[in-house]
PDB file of N, CA and C in Angstrom:
ATOM      1  N   MET A   1      98.288 106.863 110.377  1.00  0.00           N
ATOM      2  CA  MET A   1      98.472 107.868 110.878  1.00  0.00           C
ATOM      3  C   MET A   1      97.005 109.081 111.333  1.00  0.00           C
ATOM      4  N   GLU A   2      98.410 109.889 111.786  1.00  0.00           N
ATOM      5  CA  GLU A   2      97.313 110.794 113.270  1.00  0.00           C
ATOM      6  C   GLU A   2      96.257 111.761 112.807  1.00  0.00           C
ATOM      7  N   GLU A   3      95.545 112.101 113.329  1.00  0.00           N
ATOM      8  CA  GLU A   3      94.398 112.876 112.853  1.00  0.00           C
ATOM      9  C   GLU A   3      94.810 114.192 112.733  1.00  0.00           C
ATOM     10  N   GLN A   4      95.859 114.768 113.203  1.00  0.00           N
ATOM     11  CA  GLN A   4      96.096 116.316 112.932  1.00  0.00           C
ATOM     12  C   GLN A   4      97.204 115.879 111.273  1.00  0.00           C
ATOM     13  N   ASP A   5      97.638 114.720 111.503  1.00  0.00           N
ATOM     14  CA  ASP A   5      98.527 114.280 110.044  1.00  0.00           C
ATOM     15  C   ASP A   5      97.285 114.244 108.742  1.00  0.00           C
ATOM     16  N   ALA A   6      96.335 112.977 109.342  1.00  0.00           N
ATOM     17  CA  ALA A   6      95.220 113.648 108.493  1.00  0.00           C
ATOM     18  C   ALA A   6      94.610 115.557 107.553  1.00  0.00           C
ATOM     19  N   LEU A   7      94.479 115.692 108.697  1.00  0.00           N
ATOM     20  CA  LEU A   7      93.623 117.157 108.572  1.00  0.00           C
ATOM     21  C   LEU A   7      94.776 117.919 107.265  1.00  0.00           C
ATOM     22  N   ALA A   8      96.223 118.040 107.934  1.00  0.00           N
ATOM     23  CA  ALA A   8      97.219 118.545 107.351  1.00  0.00           C
ATOM     24  C   ALA A   8      96.978 118.214 106.290  1.00  0.00           C
ATOM     25  N   HIS A   9      96.963 117.110 105.626  1.00  0.00           N
ATOM     26  CA  HIS A   9      97.125 116.079 104.328  1.00  0.00           C
ATOM     27  C   HIS A   9      95.825 117.016 103.634  1.00  0.00           C
ATOM     28  N   VAL A  10      94.504 116.809 103.919  1.00  0.00           N
ATOM     29  CA  VAL A  10      93.448 117.647 103.180  1.00  0.00           C
ATOM     30  C   VAL A  10      93.736 118.656 103.107  1.00  0.00           C
ATOM     31  N   LYS A  11      94.026 119.531 104.128  1.00  0.00           N
ATOM     32  CA  LYS A  11      94.268 121.041 103.716  1.00  0.00           C
ATOM     33  C   LYS A  11      95.232 121.233 102.638  1.00  0.00           C
ATOM     34  N   ALA A  12      96.901 120.410 102.148  1.00  0.00           N
ATOM     35  CA  ALA A  12      96.886 120.636 101.485  1.00  0.00           C
ATOM     36  C   ALA A  12      96.644 120.284 100.137  1.00  0.00           C
ATOM     37  N   ALA A  13      95.969 119.124 100.205  1.00  0.00           N
ATOM     38  CA  ALA A  13      95.787 118.243  99.065  1.00  0.00           C
ATOM     39  C   ALA A  13      94.599 119.699  98.029  1.00  0.00           C
ATOM     40  N   ALA A  14      93.844 120.163  99.181  1.00  0.00           N
ATOM     41  CA  ALA A  14      92.528 121.154  98.948  1.00  0.00           C
ATOM     42  C   ALA A  14      93.388 122.222  98.120  1.00  0.00           C
ATOM     43  N   ALA A  15      94.266 123.148  98.722  1.00  0.00           N
ATOM     44  CA  ALA A  15      95.315 124.233  98.561  1.00  0.00           C
ATOM     45  C   ALA A  15      95.312 124.009  97.003  1.00  0.00           C
ATOM     46  N   VAL A  16      95.932 122.861  97.237  1.00  0.00           N
ATOM     47  CA  VAL A  16      96.781 122.266  95.858  1.00  0.00           C
ATOM     48  C   VAL A  16      95.819 122.253  94.815  1.00  0.00           C
ATOM     49  N   LEU A  17      94.340 121.842  94.639  1.00  0.00           N
ATOM     50  CA  LEU A  17      93.741 121.823  93.552  1.00  0.00           C
ATOM     51  C   LEU A  17      92.766 123.056  93.817  1.00  0.00           C
ATOM     52  N   GLY A  18      92.929 124.090  94.679  1.00  0.00           N
ATOM     53  CA  GLY A  18      92.289 125.320  94.858  1.00  0.00           C
ATOM     54  C   GLY A  18      90.785 124.940  94.800  1.00  0.00           C
ATOM     55  N   LEU A  19      90.509 124.041  95.952  1.00  0.00           N
ATOM     56  CA  LEU A  19      89.479 123.454  96.382  1.00  0.00           C
ATOM     57  C   LEU A  19      88.888 124.204  97.955  1.00  0.00           C
ATOM     58  N   PRO A  20      88.276 125.047  97.743  1.00  0.00           N
ATOM     59  CA  PRO A  20      87.906 126.127  98.923  1.00  0.00           C
ATOM     60  C   PRO A  20      86.744 124.910 100.090  1.00  0.00           C
ATOM     61  N   LEU A  21      87.860 124.720 101.538  1.00  0.00           N
ATOM     62  CA  LEU A  21      87.572 123.373 102.445  1.00  0.00           C
ATOM     63  C   LEU A  21      86.881 124.929 103.897  1.00  0.00           C
ATOM     64  N   ASP A  22      86.257 125.106 104.326  1.00  0.00           N
ATOM     65  CA  ASP A  22      85.925 125.568 105.288  1.00  0.00           C
ATOM     66  C   ASP A  22      86.371 124.696 106.362  1.00  0.00           C
ATOM     67  N   ALA A  23      86.363 125.303 107.570  1.00  0.00           N
ATOM     68  CA  ALA A  23      86.985 124.750 108.626  1.00  0.00           C
ATOM     69  C   ALA A  23      86.369 123.054 109.481  1.00  0.00           C
ATOM     70  N   GLY A  24      85.520 122.967 109.197  1.00  0.00           N
ATOM     71  CA  GLY A  24      84.151 122.093 109.114  1.00  0.00           C
ATOM     72  C   GLY A  24      84.324 121.044 108.337  1.00  0.00           C
ATOM     73  N   ARG A  25      84.399 121.425 106.735  1.00  0.00           N
ATOM     74  CA  ARG A  25      84.146 120.686 105.882  1.00  0.00           C
ATOM     75  C   ARG A  25      85.409 119.843 105.709  1.00  0.00           C
ATOM     76  N   ALA A  26      87.108 120.641 105.800  1.00  0.00           N
ATOM     77  CA  ALA A  26      87.874 120.120 106.116  1.00  0.00           C
ATOM     78  C   ALA A  26      88.099 119.190 107.230  1.00  0.00           C
ATOM     79  N   ALA A  27      87.823 119.012 108.223  1.00  0.00           N
ATOM     80  CA  ALA A  27      87.841 118.483 109.558  1.00  0.00           C
ATOM     81  C   ALA A  27      87.079 116.752 109.022  1.00  0.00           C
ATOM     82  N   ALA A  28      85.637 117.163 108.276  1.00  0.00           N
ATOM     83  CA  ALA A  28      84.591 115.951 107.956  1.00  0.00           C
ATOM     84  C   ALA A  28      85.772 115.292 106.799  1.00  0.00           C
ATOM     85  N   VAL A  29      86.188 115.856 106.116  1.00  0.00           N
ATOM     86  CA  VAL A  29      86.781 114.982 105.124  1.00  0.00           C
ATOM     87  C   VAL A  29      88.142 114.639 105.523  1.00  0.00           C
ATOM     88  N   ALA A  30      88.960 115.023 106.647  1.00  0.00           N
ATOM     89  CA  ALA A  30      89.958 114.105 107.275  1.00  0.00           C
ATOM     90  C   ALA A  30      90.022 112.661 108.134  1.00  0.00           C
ATOM     91  N   GLN A  31      88.121 113.321 108.626  1.00  0.00           N
ATOM     92  CA  GLN A  31      87.733 112.022 109.339  1.00  0.00           C
ATOM     93  C   GLN A  31      87.331 110.727 108.618  1.00  0.00           C
ATOM     94  N   GLN A  32      87.135 111.268 106.931  1.00  0.00           N
ATOM     95  CA  GLN A  32      86.483 109.963 106.466  1.00  0.00           C
ATOM     96  C   GLN A  32      88.047 109.300 105.981  1.00  0.00           C
ATOM     97  N   PHE A  33      89.087 110.396 105.661  1.00  0.00           N
ATOM     98  CA  PHE A  33      90.133 109.994 105.079  1.00  0.00           C
ATOM     99  C   PHE A  33      90.733 108.677 105.978  1.00  0.00           C
ATOM    100  N   ALA A  34      90.785 109.416 107.359  1.00  0.00           N
ATOM    101  CA  ALA A  34      91.473 108.715 108.576  1.00  0.00           C
ATOM    102  C   ALA A  34      90.907 107.311 108.642  1.00  0.00           C
ATOM    103  N   ARG A  35      89.587 107.117 108.399  1.00  0.00           N
ATOM    104  CA  ARG A  35      88.717 105.899 108.108  1.00  0.00           C
ATOM    105  C   ARG A  35      88.919 104.942 107.304  1.00  0.00           C
ATOM    106  N   THR A  36      88.960 105.745 105.714  1.00  0.00           N
ATOM    107  CA  THR A  36      89.836 104.941 104.788  1.00  0.00           C
ATOM    108  C   THR A  36      91.000 104.253 104.968  1.00  0.00           C
ATOM    109  N   MET A  37      91.842 104.730 105.431  1.00  0.00           N
ATOM    110  CA  MET A  37      93.260 104.358 105.597  1.00  0.00           C
ATOM    111  C   MET A  37      93.317 103.414 106.979  1.00  0.00           C
ATOM    112  N   ALA A  38      92.709 103.418 107.850  1.00  0.00           N
ATOM    113  CA  ALA A  38      92.346 102.454 108.705  1.00  0.00           C
ATOM    114  C   ALA A  38      92.282 101.057 107.930  1.00  0.00           C
ATOM    115  N   LEU A  39      91.283 101.096 107.008  1.00  0.00           N
ATOM    116  CA  LEU A  39      90.429  99.910 106.341  1.00  0.00           C
ATOM    117  C   LEU A  39      91.604  99.625 105.456  1.00  0.00           C
ATOM    118  N   ALA A  40      92.394 100.470 104.574  1.00  0.00           N
ATOM    119  CA  ALA A  40      93.560  99.891 104.293  1.00  0.00           C
ATOM    120  C   ALA A  40      94.662  99.162 105.044  1.00  0.00           C
ATOM    121  N   ARG A  41      94.780  99.608 105.938  1.00  0.00           N
ATOM    122  CA  ARG A  41      95.785  99.021 106.864  1.00  0.00           C
ATOM    123  C   ARG A  41      95.627  97.968 107.367  1.00  0.00           C
ATOM    124  N   LEU A  42      93.747  97.146 107.182  1.00  0.00           N
ATOM    125  CA  LEU A  42      93.344  95.745 107.802  1.00  0.00           C
ATOM    126  C   LEU A  42      93.744  95.020 106.228  1.00  0.00           C
ATOM    127  N   LEU A  43      93.307  96.123 105.368  1.00  0.00           N
ATOM    128  CA  LEU A  43      93.940  95.201 103.465  1.00  0.00           C
ATOM    129  C   LEU A  43      95.065  94.519 103.449  1.00  0.00           C
ATOM    130  N   ALA A  44      95.660  95.854 103.951  1.00  0.00           N
ATOM    131  CA  ALA A  44      97.052  95.342 103.795  1.00  0.00           C
ATOM    132  C   ALA A  44      97.562  94.168 104.261  1.00  0.00           C
ATOM    133  N   GLN A  45      97.316  93.958 105.720  1.00  0.00           N
ATOM    134  CA  GLN A  45      97.375  92.931 106.313  1.00  0.00           C
ATOM    135  C   GLN A  45      97.281  91.097 105.595  1.00  0.00           C
ATOM    136  N   VAL A  46      96.261  91.240 104.882  1.00  0.00           N
ATOM    137  CA  VAL A  46      95.795  90.137 104.165  1.00  0.00           C
ATOM    138  C   VAL A  46      96.492  89.537 103.215  1.00  0.00           C
ATOM    139  N   PRO A  47      97.119  88.292 102.982  1.00  0.00           N
ATOM    140  CA  PRO A  47      98.079  87.896 102.507  1.00  0.00           C
ATOM    141  C   PRO A  47      97.270  87.563 101.074  1.00  0.00           C
ATOM    142  N   LEU A  48      98.263  87.754  99.965  1.00  0.00           N
ATOM    143  CA  LEU A  48      97.319  87.431  98.516  1.00  0.00           C
ATOM    144  C   LEU A  48      98.108  86.971  97.785  1.00  0.00           C
ATOM    145  N   GLY A  49      97.693  86.014  96.900  1.00  0.00           N
ATOM    146  CA  GLY A  49      98.690  85.597  96.002  1.00  0.00           C
ATOM    147  C   GLY A  49      98.077  85.577  94.757  1.00  0.00           C
ATOM    148  N   PRO A  50      99.034  85.469  93.440  1.00  0.00           N
ATOM    149  CA  PRO A  50      98.885  85.739  91.953  1.00  0.00           C
ATOM    150  C   PRO A  50      97.413  85.196  91.962  1.00  0.00           C
ATOM    151  N   HIS A  51      96.992  84.170  92.480  1.00  0.00           N
ATOM    152  CA  HIS A  51      94.942  83.778  92.076  1.00  0.00           C
ATOM    153  C   HIS A  51      93.880  84.546  92.481  1.00  0.00           C
ATOM    154  N   ASP A  52      94.255  85.007  93.597  1.00  0.00           N
ATOM    155  CA  ASP A  52      93.351  86.443  94.214  1.00  0.00           C
ATOM    156  C   ASP A  52      93.325  87.619  93.956  1.00  0.00           C
ATOM    157  N   GLU A  53      93.699  87.627  92.803  1.00  0.00           N
ATOM    158  CA  GLU A  53      93.785  89.007  91.941  1.00  0.00           C
ATOM    159  C   GLU A  53      94.043  88.828  90.614  1.00  0.00           C
ATOM    160  N   PRO A  54      93.710  88.191  89.495  1.00  0.00           N
ATOM    161  CA  PRO A  54      94.322  88.214  88.553  1.00  0.00           C
ATOM    162  C   PRO A  54      94.619  89.239  87.702  1.00  0.00           C
ATOM    163  N   ALA A  55      95.104  89.671  86.726  1.00  0.00           N
ATOM    164  CA  ALA A  55      94.808  90.522  85.592  1.00  0.00           C
ATOM    165  C   ALA A  55      93.952  90.297  84.838  1.00  0.00           C
ATOM    166  N   GLU A  56      93.506  91.527  83.988  1.00  0.00           N
ATOM    167  CA  GLU A  56      92.738  91.123  83.531  1.00  0.00           C
ATOM    168  C   GLU A  56      93.638  91.235  81.649  1.00  0.00           C
ATOM    169  N   LEU A  57      92.835  90.344  80.970  1.00  0.00           N
ATOM    170  CA  LEU A  57      93.816  89.843  79.971  1.00  0.00           C
ATOM    171  C   LEU A  57      92.885  91.074  78.653  1.00  0.00           C
ATOM    172  N   TYR A  58      94.470  91.235  78.031  1.00  0.00           N
ATOM    173  CA  TYR A  58      93.843  92.591  76.796  1.00  0.00           C
ATOM    174  C   TYR A  58      93.983  91.959  75.492  1.00  0.00           C
ATOM    175  N   ARG A  59      92.838  91.991  74.768  1.00  0.00           N
ATOM    176  CA  ARG A  59      92.727  91.176  73.390  1.00  0.00           C
ATOM    177  C   ARG A  59      91.902  92.032  72.546  1.00  0.00           C
ATOM    178  N   ALA A  60      92.978  92.763  71.679  1.00  0.00           N
ATOM    179  CA  ALA A  60      92.504  93.820  70.491  1.00  0.00           C
ATOM    180  C   ALA A  60      91.361  93.127  69.989  1.00  0.00           C
ATOM    181  N   ALA A  61      90.633  93.996  69.620  1.00  0.00           N
ATOM    182  CA  ALA A  61      89.089  93.841  68.978  1.00  0.00           C
ATOM    183  C   ALA A  61      89.966  93.881  67.450  1.00  0.00           C
ATOM    184  N   PRO A  62      89.437  93.096  66.606  1.00  0.00           N
ATOM    185  CA  PRO A  62      89.375  92.709  65.026  1.00  0.00           C
ATOM    186  C   PRO A  62      89.102  93.909  64.553  1.00  0.00           C
ATOM    187  N   PHE A  63      89.518  94.432  63.378  1.00  0.00           N
ATOM    188  CA  PHE A  63      89.258  95.405  62.320  1.00  0.00           C
ATOM    189  C   PHE A  63      87.936  95.087  61.624  1.00  0.00           C
ATOM    190  N   PRO A  64      87.334  95.932  61.403  1.00  0.00           N
ATOM    191  CA  PRO A  64      85.728  95.494  60.728  1.00  0.00           C
ATOM    192  C   PRO A  64      85.669  94.333  59.515  1.00  0.00           C
ATOM    193  N   ASP A  65      86.951  94.837  58.813  1.00  0.00           N
ATOM    194  CA  ASP A  65      87.087  93.840  57.327  1.00  0.00           C
ATOM    195  C   ASP A  65      87.736  92.183  57.825  1.00  0.00           C
ATOM    196  N   GLU A  66      88.401  92.457  58.452  1.00  0.00           N
ATOM    197  CA  GLU A  66      88.969  90.814  58.971  1.00  0.00           C
ATOM    198  C   GLU A  66      87.803  90.138  59.923  1.00  0.00           C
ATOM    199  N   GLU A  67      86.890  90.732  60.608  1.00  0.00           N
ATOM    200  CA  GLU A  67      85.878  90.483  61.212  1.00  0.00           C
ATOM    201  C   GLU A  67      85.112  89.529  60.469  1.00  0.00           C
ATOM    202  N   LEU A  68      84.647  90.289  59.338  1.00  0.00           N
ATOM    203  CA  LEU A  68      83.970  89.823  57.909  1.00  0.00           C
ATOM    204  C   LEU A  68      84.634  88.410  56.964  1.00  0.00           C
ATOM    205  N   SER A  69      85.551  88.658  56.946  1.00  0.00           N
ATOM    206  CA  SER A  69      86.873  87.532  56.403  1.00  0.00           C
ATOM    207  C   SER A  69      87.003  86.299  57.514  1.00  0.00           C
ATOM    208  N   ALA A  70      86.441  86.175  58.419  1.00  0.00           N
ATOM    209  CA  ALA A  70      86.768  85.042  59.486  1.00  0.00           C
ATOM    210  C   ALA A  70      85.906  84.253  59.395  1.00  0.00           C
TER     211      ALA A  70
END
């Protein structure tokens, strides 16, 4: 993502959310956004298998009366 694209994205997102950003603040946010995108690109290049990021297991908690009878 080019620097100008990041700035345009930040300005558009701020407008949609109703966030007042002056030019300096918008530029700072766009710079941080560009850094984050660069890190994401690096991480996306690392091959991951299912064992690298296992899904969490969901187990419903027992009802209080079931817990006492067990």
